[in-house]
Amino acid sequence: MRIAYISLGDGFPLVFASNIFGEANGYRIGWPQTREITDRLVGLGWRVVRYDVRGMGLSERDVLDLSLEGRVRDLTAVVGHLGLDRFALGGLDVGAATAVAYAVQHPASVSHLILLSPWASGAHYLYQNRYVGSLIHAATRNASVNPTNGMSAIINAATTHRIRRRLPGSRRRA
């Protein structure tokens, strides 16, 4: 199985479990939500790893196994190829399911688990998106609210982690 990936920056690694369209391809073609977040994280001192899920982007396209187990094998292959023993792991949507499954199988490798829009089942996912979508629609229809991109939560978490690493003796708040 050929899995395309990119690795940018030199700091502590933050690996994104690939979403359905492919993370490396999103960066390559300049999708703002992928490129901007990646560049900002690299600017904060992180090493960011993104890869294309099997069947998408520049990864092998002619595949039959699109299962969660197959996606975890892809993630395992990428971090193994890069020689990453410990890293922060992020996942958005489908990538969140992959990240959780990987973290369960390899808990010693994952320093932090960052999940955005995770879901436990397809039925729950569809219901949740309709519910959240209706809340956002109601909030933006009656007010001048501009819904922010949820990826900013990842940057905030990464910034907080970097600050904590920099400040000796800093403690977490309860």
Protein backbone atom coordinates (compact mmCIF):
# COMPACT_ATOMS: atom_id res chain seq x y z
CA MET A 1 0.00 0.00 0.00
CA ARG A 2 1.44 3.38 -1.02
CA ILE A 3 0.50 6.24 1.36
CA ALA A 4 1.44 9.81 0.43
CA TYR A 5 2.46 12.10 3.28
CA ILE A 6 4.12 15.42 4.05
CA SER A 7 6.21 16.33 7.09
CA LEU A 8 6.85 20.03 7.74
CA GLY A 9 8.78 21.68 10.58
CA ASP A 10 11.30 20.44 13.10
CA GLY A 11 9.59 20.51 16.51
CA PHE A 12 7.60 18.00 18.51
CA PRO A 13 5.50 15.99 16.03
CA LEU A 14 1.78 16.56 15.58
CA VAL A 15 0.31 13.92 13.27
CA PHE A 16 -3.12 14.42 11.73
CA ALA A 17 -5.01 11.19 11.08
CA SER A 18 -6.24 11.65 7.53
CA ASN A 19 -9.75 12.83 6.89
CA ILE A 20 -11.76 11.41 4.02
CA PHE A 21 -10.34 13.70 1.31
CA GLY A 22 -6.69 13.41 2.31
CA GLU A 23 -4.66 15.80 4.40
CA ALA A 24 -1.44 15.93 2.34
CA ASN A 25 -3.37 16.56 -0.86
CA GLY A 26 -5.35 19.33 0.85
CA TYR A 27 -2.11 21.03 1.78
CA ARG A 28 -0.61 20.48 -1.67
CA ILE A 29 -3.55 22.05 -3.53
CA GLY A 30 -3.84 24.88 -1.00
CA TRP A 31 -7.11 24.20 0.83
CA PRO A 32 -7.15 27.14 3.25
CA GLN A 33 -8.30 25.13 6.26
CA THR A 34 -5.47 22.66 5.77
CA ARG A 35 -2.69 24.91 4.55
CA GLU A 36 -3.30 27.78 7.00
CA ILE A 37 -3.54 25.55 10.06
CA THR A 38 -0.44 23.57 9.05
CA ASP A 39 1.63 26.67 8.37
CA ARG A 40 0.56 28.29 11.64
CA LEU A 41 1.44 25.18 13.63
CA VAL A 42 4.84 24.92 11.95
CA GLY A 43 5.34 28.61 12.78
CA LEU A 44 4.61 27.78 16.43
CA GLY A 45 7.45 25.26 16.40
CA TRP A 46 5.63 21.99 15.69
CA ARG A 47 6.55 19.30 13.19
CA VAL A 48 3.27 18.66 11.35
CA VAL A 49 2.65 15.37 9.55
CA ARG A 50 -0.30 14.99 7.20
CA TYR A 51 -1.05 12.07 4.91
CA ASP A 52 -3.65 11.02 2.36
CA VAL A 53 -5.98 8.24 3.42
CA ARG A 54 -5.98 5.15 1.24
CA GLY A 55 -7.96 5.65 -1.94
CA MET A 56 -7.62 9.45 -1.93
CA GLY A 57 -5.20 12.18 -2.91
CA LEU A 58 -1.79 10.91 -3.94
CA SER A 59 -2.08 7.64 -1.97
CA GLU A 60 -2.81 4.36 -3.70
CA ARG A 61 -6.22 4.76 -5.31
CA ASP A 62 -7.21 1.22 -6.29
CA VAL A 63 -8.09 -0.19 -2.86
CA LEU A 64 -10.94 -2.29 -1.59
CA ASP A 65 -10.32 -2.08 2.17
CA LEU A 66 -11.54 1.30 3.42
CA SER A 67 -12.19 0.00 6.93
CA LEU A 68 -11.19 1.63 10.20
CA GLU A 69 -8.61 -1.12 10.67
CA GLY A 70 -7.11 -0.31 7.27
CA ARG A 71 -6.93 3.39 8.12
CA VAL A 72 -5.18 2.58 11.42
CA ARG A 73 -2.67 0.44 9.50
CA ASP A 74 -1.98 3.44 7.24
CA LEU A 75 -1.37 5.72 10.23
CA THR A 76 0.87 3.08 11.81
CA ALA A 77 2.86 2.78 8.58
CA VAL A 78 3.36 6.56 8.28
CA VAL A 79 4.56 7.09 11.87
CA GLY A 80 6.72 3.96 11.61
CA HIS A 81 8.30 5.14 8.37
CA LEU A 82 9.07 8.52 9.97
CA GLY A 83 10.47 6.84 13.11
CA LEU A 84 8.10 8.67 15.47
CA ASP A 85 8.08 7.08 18.92
CA ARG A 86 5.89 9.70 20.62
CA PHE A 87 3.71 12.40 19.10
CA ALA A 88 0.52 14.42 19.47
CA LEU A 89 -2.30 12.97 17.37
CA GLY A 90 -5.13 15.00 15.89
CA GLY A 91 -8.16 13.93 13.95
CA LEU A 92 -11.07 15.68 12.28
CA ASP A 93 -14.33 13.88 11.50
CA VAL A 94 -13.40 10.48 10.00
CA GLY A 95 -9.80 11.10 11.04
CA ALA A 96 -10.98 11.41 14.65
CA ALA A 97 -12.26 7.82 14.58
CA THR A 98 -8.89 6.70 13.20
CA ALA A 99 -7.03 8.71 15.86
CA VAL A 100 -9.07 7.19 18.71
CA ALA A 101 -8.59 3.65 17.40
CA TYR A 102 -4.84 4.23 17.02
CA ALA A 103 -4.55 5.75 20.52
CA VAL A 104 -6.33 2.73 22.02
CA GLN A 105 -3.90 0.35 20.29
CA HIS A 106 -0.76 2.46 20.91
CA PRO A 107 -1.31 4.51 24.10
CA ALA A 108 2.41 4.95 24.84
CA SER A 109 2.97 6.63 21.47
CA VAL A 110 0.30 9.33 21.83
CA SER A 111 1.23 12.29 24.04
CA HIS A 112 -1.99 14.23 23.31
CA LEU A 113 -5.19 13.30 21.50
CA ILE A 114 -6.94 16.22 19.78
CA LEU A 115 -10.36 15.46 18.31
CA LEU A 116 -12.53 17.79 16.27
CA SER A 117 -16.06 16.77 15.23
CA PRO A 118 -15.64 13.15 16.35
CA TRP A 119 -18.50 10.68 16.15
CA ALA A 120 -19.11 7.17 17.39
CA SER A 121 -21.43 5.83 14.70
CA GLY A 122 -22.68 6.84 11.27
CA ALA A 123 -26.26 7.30 12.46
CA HIS A 124 -25.10 9.47 15.36
CA TYR A 125 -22.84 11.46 13.03
CA LEU A 126 -25.69 12.30 10.62
CA TYR A 127 -28.05 13.26 13.45
CA GLN A 128 -25.37 15.36 15.18
CA ASN A 129 -24.47 17.29 12.02
CA ARG A 130 -28.13 18.12 11.31
CA TYR A 131 -28.59 19.30 14.92
CA VAL A 132 -25.40 21.38 15.02
CA GLY A 133 -26.12 22.76 11.55
CA SER A 134 -29.58 23.90 12.64
CA LEU A 135 -28.10 25.59 15.74
CA ILE A 136 -25.50 27.44 13.66
CA HIS A 137 -28.16 28.44 11.13
CA ALA A 138 -30.46 29.76 13.88
CA ALA A 139 -27.63 31.66 15.57
CA THR A 140 -26.35 33.27 12.36
CA ARG A 141 -29.80 34.05 10.94
CA ASN A 142 -30.86 36.23 13.86
CA ALA A 143 -27.55 37.80 14.82
CA SER A 144 -24.40 39.07 13.24
CA VAL A 145 -22.46 36.00 14.35
CA ASN A 146 -19.76 34.62 12.11
CA PRO A 147 -19.19 30.94 13.01
CA THR A 148 -15.49 30.34 13.46
CA ASN A 149 -13.58 27.47 11.96
CA GLY A 150 -13.28 24.75 14.61
CA MET A 151 -9.68 24.13 13.59
CA SER A 152 -8.74 27.16 15.70
CA ALA A 153 -9.28 24.87 18.70
CA ILE A 154 -6.34 22.79 17.51
CA ILE A 155 -4.14 25.87 17.24
CA ASN A 156 -5.23 27.02 20.71
CA ALA A 157 -4.42 23.58 22.16
CA ALA A 158 -1.05 23.53 20.38
CA THR A 159 -0.19 27.04 21.59
CA THR A 160 -1.14 26.17 25.17
CA HIS A 161 0.97 23.01 25.04
CA ARG A 162 3.96 24.94 23.66
CA ILE A 163 3.65 27.57 26.38
CA ARG A 164 3.45 24.90 29.08
CA ARG A 165 6.57 23.22 27.71
CA ARG A 166 8.41 26.55 27.72
CA LEU A 167 7.52 27.66 31.24
CA PRO A 168 9.36 25.64 33.90
CA GLY A 169 7.20 24.76 36.86
CA SER A 170 3.92 25.67 35.16
CA ARG A 171 0.97 23.64 36.34
CA ARG A 172 -2.34 22.72 34.86
CA ARG A 173 -5.38 24.41 36.31
CA ALA A 174 -7.98 22.15 37.80
